[in-house]
PDB file of N, CA and C in Angstrom:
ATOM      1  N   MET A   1       1.103  -1.244  -0.055  1.00  0.00           N
ATOM      2  CA  MET A   1       0.076  -0.197  -0.226  1.00  0.00           C
ATOM      3  C   MET A   1       0.805   1.075   0.078  1.00  0.00           C
ATOM      4  N   LEU A   2       0.526   2.126  -0.638  1.00  0.00           N
ATOM      5  CA  LEU A   2       1.342   3.414  -0.891  1.00  0.00           C
ATOM      6  C   LEU A   2       0.059   4.398  -0.613  1.00  0.00           C
ATOM      7  N   ASP A   3       0.348   5.252   0.277  1.00  0.00           N
ATOM      8  CA  ASP A   3      -0.545   6.353   0.873  1.00  0.00           C
ATOM      9  C   ASP A   3      -0.058   7.972   0.204  1.00  0.00           C
ATOM     10  N   PHE A   4      -0.862   8.324  -0.482  1.00  0.00           N
ATOM     11  CA  PHE A   4      -0.330   9.514  -1.163  1.00  0.00           C
ATOM     12  C   PHE A   4      -1.045  10.702  -0.542  1.00  0.00           C
ATOM     13  N   GLY A   5      -1.468  10.430   0.640  1.00  0.00           N
ATOM     14  CA  GLY A   5      -1.882  11.475   1.280  1.00  0.00           C
ATOM     15  C   GLY A   5      -0.767  13.137   1.215  1.00  0.00           C
ATOM     16  N   GLY A   6      -1.108  14.087   1.005  1.00  0.00           N
ATOM     17  CA  GLY A   6      -0.284  15.216   1.211  1.00  0.00           C
ATOM     18  C   GLY A   6       0.660  15.202  -0.048  1.00  0.00           C
ATOM     19  N   PHE A   7       0.811  14.428  -1.055  1.00  0.00           N
ATOM     20  CA  PHE A   7       1.542  14.597  -2.327  1.00  0.00           C
ATOM     21  C   PHE A   7       0.942  15.654  -2.995  1.00  0.00           C
ATOM     22  N   SER A   8       1.540  16.496  -3.727  1.00  0.00           N
ATOM     23  CA  SER A   8       1.460  17.721  -4.087  1.00  0.00           C
ATOM     24  C   SER A   8       1.905  17.942  -5.366  1.00  0.00           C
ATOM     25  N   PHE A   9       1.577  18.959  -6.151  1.00  0.00           N
ATOM     26  CA  PHE A   9       2.468  19.161  -7.349  1.00  0.00           C
ATOM     27  C   PHE A   9       3.852  19.705  -6.822  1.00  0.00           C
ATOM     28  N   SER A  10       4.386  20.332  -5.706  1.00  0.00           N
ATOM     29  CA  SER A  10       5.443  20.649  -5.292  1.00  0.00           C
ATOM     30  C   SER A  10       6.087  19.552  -4.578  1.00  0.00           C
ATOM     31  N   THR A  11       5.551  18.403  -4.534  1.00  0.00           N
ATOM     32  CA  THR A  11       6.532  17.053  -4.087  1.00  0.00           C
ATOM     33  C   THR A  11       6.747  16.122  -5.004  1.00  0.00           C
ATOM     34  N   LEU A  12       6.047  16.588  -6.490  1.00  0.00           N
ATOM     35  CA  LEU A  12       6.157  15.625  -7.627  1.00  0.00           C
ATOM     36  C   LEU A  12       7.451  14.992  -7.613  1.00  0.00           C
ATOM     37  N   PRO A  13       7.748  14.032  -7.806  1.00  0.00           N
ATOM     38  CA  PRO A  13       9.398  13.496  -7.864  1.00  0.00           C
ATOM     39  C   PRO A  13       9.838  13.787  -9.651  1.00  0.00           C
ATOM     40  N   PRO A  14      11.054  14.016 -10.122  1.00  0.00           N
ATOM     41  CA  PRO A  14      11.278  14.077 -11.713  1.00  0.00           C
ATOM     42  C   PRO A  14      10.975  12.934 -12.195  1.00  0.00           C
ATOM     43  N   PHE A  15      10.517  13.114 -13.366  1.00  0.00           N
ATOM     44  CA  PHE A  15       9.890  12.000 -14.275  1.00  0.00           C
ATOM     45  C   PHE A  15      10.776  11.117 -14.657  1.00  0.00           C
ATOM     46  N   ALA A  16      12.130  11.489 -14.511  1.00  0.00           N
ATOM     47  CA  ALA A  16      13.590  10.506 -14.549  1.00  0.00           C
ATOM     48  C   ALA A  16      13.032   9.304 -13.494  1.00  0.00           C
ATOM     49  N   PHE A  17      12.905   9.945 -12.569  1.00  0.00           N
ATOM     50  CA  PHE A  17      13.346   9.130 -11.137  1.00  0.00           C
ATOM     51  C   PHE A  17      11.846   8.131 -11.182  1.00  0.00           C
ATOM     52  N   THR A  18      10.853   8.938 -11.393  1.00  0.00           N
ATOM     53  CA  THR A  18       9.701   8.024 -11.704  1.00  0.00           C
ATOM     54  C   THR A  18       9.730   6.726 -12.586  1.00  0.00           C
ATOM     55  N   GLN A  19      10.266   6.748 -13.658  1.00  0.00           N
ATOM     56  CA  GLN A  19      10.751   5.880 -14.796  1.00  0.00           C
ATOM     57  C   GLN A  19      11.674   4.976 -14.019  1.00  0.00           C
ATOM     58  N   GLU A  20      12.734   5.278 -13.658  1.00  0.00           N
ATOM     59  CA  GLU A  20      13.893   4.444 -12.702  1.00  0.00           C
ATOM     60  C   GLU A  20      12.967   3.717 -11.532  1.00  0.00           C
ATOM     61  N   VAL A  21      12.308   4.138 -10.989  1.00  0.00           N
ATOM     62  CA  VAL A  21      11.416   3.324  -9.841  1.00  0.00           C
ATOM     63  C   VAL A  21      10.574   2.342 -10.564  1.00  0.00           C
ATOM     64  N   LEU A  22      10.054   2.698 -11.658  1.00  0.00           N
ATOM     65  CA  LEU A  22       8.837   1.568 -12.526  1.00  0.00           C
ATOM     66  C   LEU A  22      10.004   0.787 -12.967  1.00  0.00           C
ATOM     67  N   GLY A  23      11.131   0.698 -13.808  1.00  0.00           N
ATOM     68  CA  GLY A  23      11.920   0.186 -13.905  1.00  0.00           C
ATOM     69  C   GLY A  23      12.556  -1.054 -13.060  1.00  0.00           C
ATOM     70  N   ILE A  24      12.674  -0.577 -11.896  1.00  0.00           N
ATOM     71  CA  ILE A  24      13.161  -1.440 -10.821  1.00  0.00           C
ATOM     72  C   ILE A  24      12.120  -2.415 -10.458  1.00  0.00           C
ATOM     73  N   LEU A  25      10.845  -1.931 -10.364  1.00  0.00           N
ATOM     74  CA  LEU A  25       9.515  -2.559  -9.849  1.00  0.00           C
ATOM     75  C   LEU A  25       9.669  -3.866 -11.300  1.00  0.00           C
ATOM     76  N   LYS A  26       9.620  -3.354 -12.268  1.00  0.00           N
ATOM     77  CA  LYS A  26       9.211  -4.297 -13.342  1.00  0.00           C
ATOM     78  C   LYS A  26      10.228  -5.582 -13.666  1.00  0.00           C
ATOM     79  N   SER A  27      11.678  -5.107 -13.348  1.00  0.00           N
ATOM     80  CA  SER A  27      12.595  -5.944 -13.302  1.00  0.00           C
ATOM     81  C   SER A  27      13.026  -7.042 -12.440  1.00  0.00           C
ATOM     82  N   HIS A  28      12.446  -6.538 -10.966  1.00  0.00           N
ATOM     83  CA  HIS A  28      12.786  -7.095  -9.977  1.00  0.00           C
ATOM     84  C   HIS A  28      11.756  -7.982  -9.368  1.00  0.00           C
ATOM     85  N   TYR A  29      10.332  -7.064  -9.470  1.00  0.00           N
ATOM     86  CA  TYR A  29       9.280  -7.683  -8.833  1.00  0.00           C
ATOM     87  C   TYR A  29       8.162  -8.166  -9.493  1.00  0.00           C
ATOM     88  N   PRO A  30       8.337  -8.288 -10.806  1.00  0.00           N
ATOM     89  CA  PRO A  30       7.275  -8.601 -11.953  1.00  0.00           C
ATOM     90  C   PRO A  30       6.133  -9.592 -11.463  1.00  0.00           C
ATOM     91  N   TYR A  31       6.631 -10.580 -10.759  1.00  0.00           N
ATOM     92  CA  TYR A  31       5.425 -11.790 -10.264  1.00  0.00           C
ATOM     93  C   TYR A  31       5.405 -11.721  -8.733  1.00  0.00           C
ATOM     94  N   ARG A  32       6.191 -11.175  -7.695  1.00  0.00           N
ATOM     95  CA  ARG A  32       6.276 -11.346  -6.573  1.00  0.00           C
ATOM     96  C   ARG A  32       4.829 -10.375  -5.923  1.00  0.00           C
ATOM     97  N   ILE A  33       4.542  -9.523  -6.428  1.00  0.00           N
ATOM     98  CA  ILE A  33       3.438  -8.449  -6.066  1.00  0.00           C
ATOM     99  C   ILE A  33       2.007  -9.123  -6.627  1.00  0.00           C
ATOM    100  N   ASP A  34       1.174  -9.215  -5.716  1.00  0.00           N
ATOM    101  CA  ASP A  34      -0.198  -9.666  -5.606  1.00  0.00           C
ATOM    102  C   ASP A  34      -0.894  -8.666  -6.020  1.00  0.00           C
ATOM    103  N   GLU A  35      -1.196  -7.681  -5.437  1.00  0.00           N
ATOM    104  CA  GLU A  35      -1.798  -6.322  -5.314  1.00  0.00           C
ATOM    105  C   GLU A  35      -0.960  -5.096  -4.932  1.00  0.00           C
ATOM    106  N   ILE A  36      -1.193  -3.905  -5.340  1.00  0.00           N
ATOM    107  CA  ILE A  36      -0.628  -2.575  -4.922  1.00  0.00           C
ATOM    108  C   ILE A  36      -1.884  -1.686  -4.922  1.00  0.00           C
ATOM    109  N   TYR A  37      -1.913  -1.161  -3.839  1.00  0.00           N
ATOM    110  CA  TYR A  37      -2.912  -0.271  -3.438  1.00  0.00           C
ATOM    111  C   TYR A  37      -2.391   1.271  -3.162  1.00  0.00           C
ATOM    112  N   LEU A  38      -2.679   2.075  -3.975  1.00  0.00           N
ATOM    113  CA  LEU A  38      -2.178   3.142  -4.255  1.00  0.00           C
ATOM    114  C   LEU A  38      -3.698   4.312  -3.364  1.00  0.00           C
ATOM    115  N   VAL A  39      -3.500   4.808  -2.363  1.00  0.00           N
ATOM    116  CA  VAL A  39      -4.254   5.289  -1.544  1.00  0.00           C
ATOM    117  C   VAL A  39      -4.313   6.662  -1.167  1.00  0.00           C
ATOM    118  N   ASN A  40      -5.632   7.380  -0.911  1.00  0.00           N
ATOM    119  CA  ASN A  40      -5.547   8.874  -0.817  1.00  0.00           C
ATOM    120  C   ASN A  40      -5.184   9.858  -2.345  1.00  0.00           C
ATOM    121  N   VAL A  41      -5.133   9.313  -3.299  1.00  0.00           N
ATOM    122  CA  VAL A  41      -4.649   9.861  -4.552  1.00  0.00           C
ATOM    123  C   VAL A  41      -5.238  11.466  -4.668  1.00  0.00           C
ATOM    124  N   GLY A  42      -4.800  12.198  -5.272  1.00  0.00           N
ATOM    125  CA  GLY A  42      -5.365  13.579  -5.471  1.00  0.00           C
ATOM    126  C   GLY A  42      -5.145  13.901  -7.172  1.00  0.00           C
ATOM    127  N   THR A  43      -5.416  15.054  -7.184  1.00  0.00           N
ATOM    128  CA  THR A  43      -5.070  15.955  -8.401  1.00  0.00           C
ATOM    129  C   THR A  43      -3.604  15.573  -8.915  1.00  0.00           C
ATOM    130  N   ALA A  44      -2.659  15.747  -7.817  1.00  0.00           N
ATOM    131  CA  ALA A  44      -1.296  15.788  -8.057  1.00  0.00           C
ATOM    132  C   ALA A  44      -0.966  14.108  -8.737  1.00  0.00           C
ATOM    133  N   PHE A  45      -1.539  13.449  -8.076  1.00  0.00           N
ATOM    134  CA  PHE A  45      -1.214  11.975  -8.140  1.00  0.00           C
ATOM    135  C   PHE A  45      -1.622  11.777  -9.412  1.00  0.00           C
ATOM    136  N   SER A  46      -3.225  12.152  -9.876  1.00  0.00           N
ATOM    137  CA  SER A  46      -3.619  12.099 -11.384  1.00  0.00           C
ATOM    138  C   SER A  46      -3.054  12.239 -12.422  1.00  0.00           C
ATOM    139  N   PHE A  47      -2.240  13.590 -12.178  1.00  0.00           N
ATOM    140  CA  PHE A  47      -1.857  13.995 -13.150  1.00  0.00           C
ATOM    141  C   PHE A  47      -0.153  13.393 -13.416  1.00  0.00           C
ATOM    142  N   LEU A  48       0.418  12.748 -12.485  1.00  0.00           N
ATOM    143  CA  LEU A  48       1.773  11.748 -12.681  1.00  0.00           C
ATOM    144  C   LEU A  48       1.266  10.525 -13.358  1.00  0.00           C
ATOM    145  N   TRP A  49       0.136  10.025 -12.766  1.00  0.00           N
ATOM    146  CA  TRP A  49      -0.049   8.971 -13.170  1.00  0.00           C
ATOM    147  C   TRP A  49      -0.769   9.049 -14.483  1.00  0.00           C
ATOM    148  N   SER A  50      -1.371   9.867 -15.166  1.00  0.00           N
ATOM    149  CA  SER A  50      -1.660  10.206 -16.776  1.00  0.00           C
ATOM    150  C   SER A  50      -0.240   9.801 -17.773  1.00  0.00           C
ATOM    151  N   MET A  51       0.868  10.271 -16.917  1.00  0.00           N
ATOM    152  CA  MET A  51       2.062  10.277 -17.679  1.00  0.00           C
ATOM    153  C   MET A  51       2.791   8.923 -17.663  1.00  0.00           C
ATOM    154  N   VAL A  52       2.340   8.154 -16.419  1.00  0.00           N
ATOM    155  CA  VAL A  52       3.387   7.118 -16.013  1.00  0.00           C
ATOM    156  C   VAL A  52       2.367   5.841 -16.609  1.00  0.00           C
ATOM    157  N   LYS A  53       1.164   5.877 -16.531  1.00  0.00           N
ATOM    158  CA  LYS A  53       0.443   4.832 -17.048  1.00  0.00           C
ATOM    159  C   LYS A  53       1.071   4.031 -18.306  1.00  0.00           C
ATOM    160  N   PRO A  54       1.079   4.876 -19.284  1.00  0.00           N
ATOM    161  CA  PRO A  54       1.320   4.426 -20.597  1.00  0.00           C
ATOM    162  C   PRO A  54       2.566   3.162 -20.531  1.00  0.00           C
ATOM    163  N   PHE A  55       3.733   3.434 -19.584  1.00  0.00           N
ATOM    164  CA  PHE A  55       4.524   2.841 -19.353  1.00  0.00           C
ATOM    165  C   PHE A  55       4.693   1.612 -18.702  1.00  0.00           C
ATOM    166  N   ILE A  56       3.393   1.463 -18.108  1.00  0.00           N
ATOM    167  CA  ILE A  56       2.999   0.183 -17.157  1.00  0.00           C
ATOM    168  C   ILE A  56       2.456  -0.996 -17.985  1.00  0.00           C
ATOM    169  N   PRO A  57       3.083  -2.196 -17.996  1.00  0.00           N
ATOM    170  CA  PRO A  57       2.465  -3.396 -18.553  1.00  0.00           C
ATOM    171  C   PRO A  57       0.959  -3.410 -18.033  1.00  0.00           C
ATOM    172  N   LYS A  58       0.225  -4.169 -19.133  1.00  0.00           N
ATOM    173  CA  LYS A  58      -1.268  -4.590 -18.757  1.00  0.00           C
ATOM    174  C   LYS A  58      -1.519  -5.380 -17.435  1.00  0.00           C
ATOM    175  N   LYS A  59      -0.309  -6.317 -17.367  1.00  0.00           N
ATOM    176  CA  LYS A  59      -0.273  -7.531 -16.152  1.00  0.00           C
ATOM    177  C   LYS A  59      -0.305  -6.856 -14.751  1.00  0.00           C
ATOM    178  N   ALA A  60       0.772  -5.584 -14.982  1.00  0.00           N
ATOM    179  CA  ALA A  60       1.007  -4.822 -13.756  1.00  0.00           C
ATOM    180  C   ALA A  60      -0.088  -4.136 -13.244  1.00  0.00           C
ATOM    181  N   MET A  61      -0.658  -3.710 -14.208  1.00  0.00           N
ATOM    182  CA  MET A  61      -1.808  -2.512 -14.264  1.00  0.00           C
ATOM    183  C   MET A  61      -2.944  -2.989 -13.583  1.00  0.00           C
ATOM    184  N   ASP A  62      -3.326  -4.524 -13.842  1.00  0.00           N
ATOM    185  CA  ASP A  62      -4.357  -5.324 -13.649  1.00  0.00           C
ATOM    186  C   ASP A  62      -3.898  -5.660 -12.169  1.00  0.00           C
ATOM    187  N   LYS A  63      -2.870  -5.569 -11.449  1.00  0.00           N
ATOM    188  CA  LYS A  63      -2.486  -5.378  -9.982  1.00  0.00           C
ATOM    189  C   LYS A  63      -2.579  -4.246  -9.095  1.00  0.00           C
ATOM    190  N   MET A  64      -2.852  -3.312 -10.054  1.00  0.00           N
ATOM    191  CA  MET A  64      -2.871  -1.856  -9.137  1.00  0.00           C
ATOM    192  C   MET A  64      -4.530  -1.510  -8.925  1.00  0.00           C
ATOM    193  N   LYS A  65      -4.641  -1.387  -7.434  1.00  0.00           N
ATOM    194  CA  LYS A  65      -5.837  -0.534  -7.395  1.00  0.00           C
ATOM    195  C   LYS A  65      -5.645   1.023  -6.895  1.00  0.00           C
ATOM    196  N   VAL A  66      -6.459   1.813  -7.217  1.00  0.00           N
ATOM    197  CA  VAL A  66      -6.266   3.235  -7.137  1.00  0.00           C
ATOM    198  C   VAL A  66      -7.490   3.779  -6.156  1.00  0.00           C
ATOM    199  N   LEU A  67      -7.036   4.334  -5.058  1.00  0.00           N
ATOM    200  CA  LEU A  67      -8.204   4.587  -4.469  1.00  0.00           C
ATOM    201  C   LEU A  67      -8.086   6.205  -4.138  1.00  0.00           C
ATOM    202  N   SER A  68      -9.287   6.986  -3.915  1.00  0.00           N
ATOM    203  CA  SER A  68      -9.471   8.596  -3.872  1.00  0.00           C
ATOM    204  C   SER A  68      -9.614   8.460  -2.238  1.00  0.00           C
ATOM    205  N   ALA A  69      -9.487   9.766  -1.886  1.00  0.00           N
ATOM    206  CA  ALA A  69      -9.516   9.680  -0.246  1.00  0.00           C
ATOM    207  C   ALA A  69     -11.053   9.425   0.138  1.00  0.00           C
ATOM    208  N   ASN A  70     -11.876   9.579  -0.685  1.00  0.00           N
ATOM    209  CA  ASN A  70     -13.335   9.504  -0.344  1.00  0.00           C
ATOM    210  C   ASN A  70     -13.354   7.984  -0.681  1.00  0.00           C
ATOM    211  N   ASP A  71     -12.650   6.985  -1.443  1.00  0.00           N
ATOM    212  CA  ASP A  71     -12.966   5.716  -1.728  1.00  0.00           C
ATOM    213  C   ASP A  71     -12.632   5.184  -0.356  1.00  0.00           C
ATOM    214  N   VAL A  72     -11.417   5.454   0.333  1.00  0.00           N
ATOM    215  CA  VAL A  72     -10.880   4.913   1.186  1.00  0.00           C
ATOM    216  C   VAL A  72     -11.654   4.953   2.771  1.00  0.00           C
ATOM    217  N   LYS A  73     -12.328   6.056   2.675  1.00  0.00           N
ATOM    218  CA  LYS A  73     -13.652   6.304   3.854  1.00  0.00           C
ATOM    219  C   LYS A  73     -14.589   5.849   3.635  1.00  0.00           C
ATOM    220  N   LYS A  74     -15.104   4.914   2.807  1.00  0.00           N
ATOM    221  CA  LYS A  74     -16.506   4.102   2.539  1.00  0.00           C
ATOM    222  C   LYS A  74     -15.668   2.976   3.444  1.00  0.00           C
ATOM    223  N   ALA A  75     -16.985   2.467   4.293  1.00  0.00           N
ATOM    224  CA  ALA A  75     -16.785   1.819   5.250  1.00  0.00           C
ATOM    225  C   ALA A  75     -16.679   0.320   4.878  1.00  0.00           C
ATOM    226  N   ASP A  76     -17.043   0.178   3.416  1.00  0.00           N
ATOM    227  CA  ASP A  76     -16.775  -1.270   2.811  1.00  0.00           C
ATOM    228  C   ASP A  76     -15.629  -1.052   1.533  1.00  0.00           C
ATOM    229  N   ASN A  77     -14.631  -0.363   1.800  1.00  0.00           N
ATOM    230  CA  ASN A  77     -13.849  -0.331   0.696  1.00  0.00           C
ATOM    231  C   ASN A  77     -13.008  -1.447   0.195  1.00  0.00           C
ATOM    232  N   VAL A  78     -12.522  -1.291  -0.743  1.00  0.00           N
ATOM    233  CA  VAL A  78     -11.910  -2.351  -1.667  1.00  0.00           C
ATOM    234  C   VAL A  78     -10.759  -3.351  -0.698  1.00  0.00           C
ATOM    235  N   MET A  79     -10.152  -2.465   0.219  1.00  0.00           N
ATOM    236  CA  MET A  79      -9.262  -2.618   0.959  1.00  0.00           C
ATOM    237  C   MET A  79      -9.872  -3.822   2.200  1.00  0.00           C
ATOM    238  N   VAL A  80     -10.967  -3.337   2.806  1.00  0.00           N
ATOM    239  CA  VAL A  80     -11.896  -3.931   3.678  1.00  0.00           C
ATOM    240  C   VAL A  80     -11.952  -5.275   3.133  1.00  0.00           C
ATOM    241  N   ARG A  81     -12.716  -5.156   2.018  1.00  0.00           N
ATOM    242  CA  ARG A  81     -13.058  -6.316   1.634  1.00  0.00           C
ATOM    243  C   ARG A  81     -12.187  -7.741   1.195  1.00  0.00           C
ATOM    244  N   ARG A  82     -10.907  -7.100   0.958  1.00  0.00           N
ATOM    245  CA  ARG A  82      -9.739  -8.127   0.668  1.00  0.00           C
ATOM    246  C   ARG A  82      -9.002  -8.485   2.058  1.00  0.00           C
ATOM    247  N   PHE A  83      -9.020  -7.565   2.827  1.00  0.00           N
ATOM    248  CA  PHE A  83      -7.844  -8.020   4.047  1.00  0.00           C
ATOM    249  C   PHE A  83      -8.645  -7.955   5.330  1.00  0.00           C
ATOM    250  N   GLY A  84      -9.876  -7.530   5.434  1.00  0.00           N
ATOM    251  CA  GLY A  84     -10.665  -7.318   6.559  1.00  0.00           C
ATOM    252  C   GLY A  84     -10.216  -6.384   7.539  1.00  0.00           C
ATOM    253  N   LYS A  85     -11.107  -5.902   8.255  1.00  0.00           N
ATOM    254  CA  LYS A  85     -10.995  -4.866   9.410  1.00  0.00           C
ATOM    255  C   LYS A  85      -9.803  -5.093  10.229  1.00  0.00           C
ATOM    256  N   SER A  86      -9.803  -6.207  10.786  1.00  0.00           N
ATOM    257  CA  SER A  86      -8.564  -6.732  11.357  1.00  0.00           C
ATOM    258  C   SER A  86      -7.110  -6.580  11.044  1.00  0.00           C
ATOM    259  N   PHE A  87      -7.120  -6.184  10.102  1.00  0.00           N
ATOM    260  CA  PHE A  87      -5.844  -6.166   9.411  1.00  0.00           C
ATOM    261  C   PHE A  87      -5.353  -4.904   8.986  1.00  0.00           C
ATOM    262  N   LEU A  88      -6.290  -3.788   9.120  1.00  0.00           N
ATOM    263  CA  LEU A  88      -6.136  -2.507   8.672  1.00  0.00           C
ATOM    264  C   LEU A  88      -6.151  -1.344   9.337  1.00  0.00           C
ATOM    265  N   GLU A  89      -5.461  -0.105   9.728  1.00  0.00           N
ATOM    266  CA  GLU A  89      -5.563   0.633  10.341  1.00  0.00           C
ATOM    267  C   GLU A  89      -6.736   1.595  10.210  1.00  0.00           C
ATOM    268  N   GLU A  90      -7.334   2.319  11.414  1.00  0.00           N
ATOM    269  CA  GLU A  90      -8.466   3.081  11.346  1.00  0.00           C
ATOM    270  C   GLU A  90      -8.675   3.899  10.088  1.00  0.00           C
ATOM    271  N   GLU A  91      -7.520   4.559   9.556  1.00  0.00           N
ATOM    272  CA  GLU A  91      -7.522   5.244   8.834  1.00  0.00           C
ATOM    273  C   GLU A  91      -7.972   4.965   7.524  1.00  0.00           C
ATOM    274  N   TYR A  92      -7.622   3.537   7.410  1.00  0.00           N
ATOM    275  CA  TYR A  92      -8.064   2.775   6.225  1.00  0.00           C
ATOM    276  C   TYR A  92      -9.239   2.010   6.191  1.00  0.00           C
ATOM    277  N   GLY A  93     -10.006   2.064   7.200  1.00  0.00           N
ATOM    278  CA  GLY A  93     -11.381   1.547   7.149  1.00  0.00           C
ATOM    279  C   GLY A  93     -11.290   0.159   8.196  1.00  0.00           C
ATOM    280  N   GLY A  94     -10.198   0.065   8.822  1.00  0.00           N
ATOM    281  CA  GLY A  94      -9.736  -0.867   9.657  1.00  0.00           C
ATOM    282  C   GLY A  94      -9.927  -0.761  11.267  1.00  0.00           C
ATOM    283  N   VAL A  95      -9.751  -1.482  11.836  1.00  0.00           N
ATOM    284  CA  VAL A  95      -9.733  -1.271  13.425  1.00  0.00           C
ATOM    285  C   VAL A  95      -8.393  -1.081  14.378  1.00  0.00           C
ATOM    286  N   ILE A  96      -7.626  -1.207  13.752  1.00  0.00           N
ATOM    287  CA  ILE A  96      -5.986  -1.174  14.228  1.00  0.00           C
ATOM    288  C   ILE A  96      -5.912   0.369  14.417  1.00  0.00           C
ATOM    289  N   ARG A  97      -5.583   0.705  15.882  1.00  0.00           N
ATOM    290  CA  ARG A  97      -5.205   2.354  15.819  1.00  0.00           C
ATOM    291  C   ARG A  97      -3.890   2.393  15.840  1.00  0.00           C
ATOM    292  N   ASN A  98      -3.645   3.687  15.052  1.00  0.00           N
ATOM    293  CA  ASN A  98      -2.346   4.006  14.570  1.00  0.00           C
ATOM    294  C   ASN A  98      -1.477   4.216  15.786  1.00  0.00           C
ATOM    295  N   SER A  99      -0.248   3.516  16.593  1.00  0.00           N
ATOM    296  CA  SER A  99       0.094   4.073  17.297  1.00  0.00           C
ATOM    297  C   SER A  99       1.647   4.737  16.786  1.00  0.00           C
ATOM    298  N   TYR A 100       1.951   4.851  15.778  1.00  0.00           N
ATOM    299  CA  TYR A 100       3.347   5.348  15.016  1.00  0.00           C
ATOM    300  C   TYR A 100       3.267   6.636  15.694  1.00  0.00           C
ATOM    301  N   SER A 101       4.698   7.059  16.114  1.00  0.00           N
ATOM    302  CA  SER A 101       4.941   7.995  16.515  1.00  0.00           C
ATOM    303  C   SER A 101       6.713   8.229  16.399  1.00  0.00           C
ATOM    304  N   ASP A 102       6.829   9.565  15.525  1.00  0.00           N
ATOM    305  CA  ASP A 102       8.378   9.739  14.923  1.00  0.00           C
ATOM    306  C   ASP A 102       9.134   9.583  16.301  1.00  0.00           C
ATOM    307  N   ASP A 103       8.802  10.384  17.460  1.00  0.00           N
ATOM    308  CA  ASP A 103       9.688   9.982  18.696  1.00  0.00           C
ATOM    309  C   ASP A 103      10.137   8.767  19.031  1.00  0.00           C
ATOM    310  N   ASP A 104       8.943   7.901  19.071  1.00  0.00           N
ATOM    311  CA  ASP A 104       9.333   6.412  19.293  1.00  0.00           C
ATOM    312  C   ASP A 104      10.269   5.756  18.090  1.00  0.00           C
ATOM    313  N   TYR A 105      10.125   6.192  16.996  1.00  0.00           N
ATOM    314  CA  TYR A 105      10.802   5.360  16.165  1.00  0.00           C
ATOM    315  C   TYR A 105      12.260   5.662  16.042  1.00  0.00           C
ATOM    316  N   ASN A 106      12.424   7.452  16.296  1.00  0.00           N
ATOM    317  CA  ASN A 106      13.667   7.659  16.355  1.00  0.00           C
ATOM    318  C   ASN A 106      14.513   7.249  17.723  1.00  0.00           C
ATOM    319  N   PHE A 107      13.908   7.148  18.701  1.00  0.00           N
ATOM    320  CA  PHE A 107      14.383   6.318  19.810  1.00  0.00           C
ATOM    321  C   PHE A 107      14.702   5.120  19.580  1.00  0.00           C
ATOM    322  N   ASN A 108      14.061   4.197  19.272  1.00  0.00           N
ATOM    323  CA  ASN A 108      14.222   3.035  18.783  1.00  0.00           C
ATOM    324  C   ASN A 108      15.418   2.784  17.664  1.00  0.00           C
ATOM    325  N   LEU A 109      15.527   3.728  16.856  1.00  0.00           N
ATOM    326  CA  LEU A 109      16.419   3.581  15.820  1.00  0.00           C
ATOM    327  C   LEU A 109      17.898   3.843  16.415  1.00  0.00           C
ATOM    328  N   THR A 110      17.697   5.259  17.511  1.00  0.00           N
ATOM    329  CA  THR A 110      18.789   5.450  18.305  1.00  0.00           C
ATOM    330  C   THR A 110      19.495   4.371  18.992  1.00  0.00           C
ATOM    331  N   SER A 111      18.708   3.700  19.834  1.00  0.00           N
ATOM    332  CA  SER A 111      18.908   2.807  20.551  1.00  0.00           C
ATOM    333  C   SER A 111      19.674   1.527  19.990  1.00  0.00           C
ATOM    334  N   ARG A 112      18.996   1.440  18.920  1.00  0.00           N
ATOM    335  CA  ARG A 112      19.933   0.217  18.257  1.00  0.00           C
ATOM    336  C   ARG A 112      21.237   0.527  17.736  1.00  0.00           C
ATOM    337  N   THR A 113      21.260   1.425  17.301  1.00  0.00           N
ATOM    338  CA  THR A 113      22.332   1.883  16.676  1.00  0.00           C
ATOM    339  C   THR A 113      23.450   2.062  17.682  1.00  0.00           C
ATOM    340  N   ILE A 114      22.815   2.779  19.089  1.00  0.00           N
ATOM    341  CA  ILE A 114      24.164   2.784  19.809  1.00  0.00           C
ATOM    342  C   ILE A 114      24.614   1.400  20.515  1.00  0.00           C
ATOM    343  N   ALA A 115      23.539   0.730  20.753  1.00  0.00           N
ATOM    344  CA  ALA A 115      23.887  -1.186  21.122  1.00  0.00           C
ATOM    345  C   ALA A 115      24.644  -2.070  20.346  1.00  0.00           C
ATOM    346  N   ARG A 116      24.492  -1.196  18.592  1.00  0.00           N
ATOM    347  CA  ARG A 116      25.329  -2.080  17.541  1.00  0.00           C
ATOM    348  C   ARG A 116      26.523  -1.797  17.893  1.00  0.00           C
ATOM    349  N   GLU A 117      26.567  -0.312  17.854  1.00  0.00           N
ATOM    350  CA  GLU A 117      28.335   0.201  17.991  1.00  0.00           C
ATOM    351  C   GLU A 117      28.870  -0.385  19.578  1.00  0.00           C
ATOM    352  N   TYR A 118      28.256  -0.419  20.405  1.00  0.00           N
ATOM    353  CA  TYR A 118      28.881  -1.186  21.683  1.00  0.00           C
ATOM    354  C   TYR A 118      29.171  -2.543  21.575  1.00  0.00           C
ATOM    355  N   VAL A 119      28.455  -3.241  20.835  1.00  0.00           N
ATOM    356  CA  VAL A 119      28.795  -4.408  20.927  1.00  0.00           C
ATOM    357  C   VAL A 119      29.898  -4.801  19.739  1.00  0.00           C
ATOM    358  N   THR A 120      30.089  -4.083  18.740  1.00  0.00           N
ATOM    359  CA  THR A 120      31.047  -3.799  17.915  1.00  0.00           C
ATOM    360  C   THR A 120      32.665  -3.536  18.519  1.00  0.00           C
ATOM    361  N   GLU A 121      32.367  -2.396  19.545  1.00  0.00           N
ATOM    362  CA  GLU A 121      33.796  -2.016  20.024  1.00  0.00           C
ATOM    363  C   GLU A 121      34.084  -2.856  21.070  1.00  0.00           C
ATOM    364  N   SER A 122      32.992  -3.690  21.752  1.00  0.00           N
ATOM    365  CA  SER A 122      33.524  -4.539  22.869  1.00  0.00           C
ATOM    366  C   SER A 122      34.255  -5.701  22.771  1.00  0.00           C
TER     367      SER A 122
END
């Protein structure tokens, strides 16, 4: 799942970068990905999508599900039907409370780095 909430014209990546990412996915993951959910898409995404779509093979397109913010808000959206509410966060129609915190993530990352450096030095 790729959440495009907050994606805007000012954050559009260069077209060459987008082509490079598509090339990597096409070369290394053509049969490993069952479905890709592109959620909370807006105007900027639609603009980018219209340029990228012709380069995506039909087989890959069939695996992609594009959902606007309104689609995601529906109680019975395609992700809920596919995975069930118990496997999705509330913002995607599920029951899991999002407990992500930048502070917690940064603390855990720093703690692991310090621990790794300590073990390496010992």
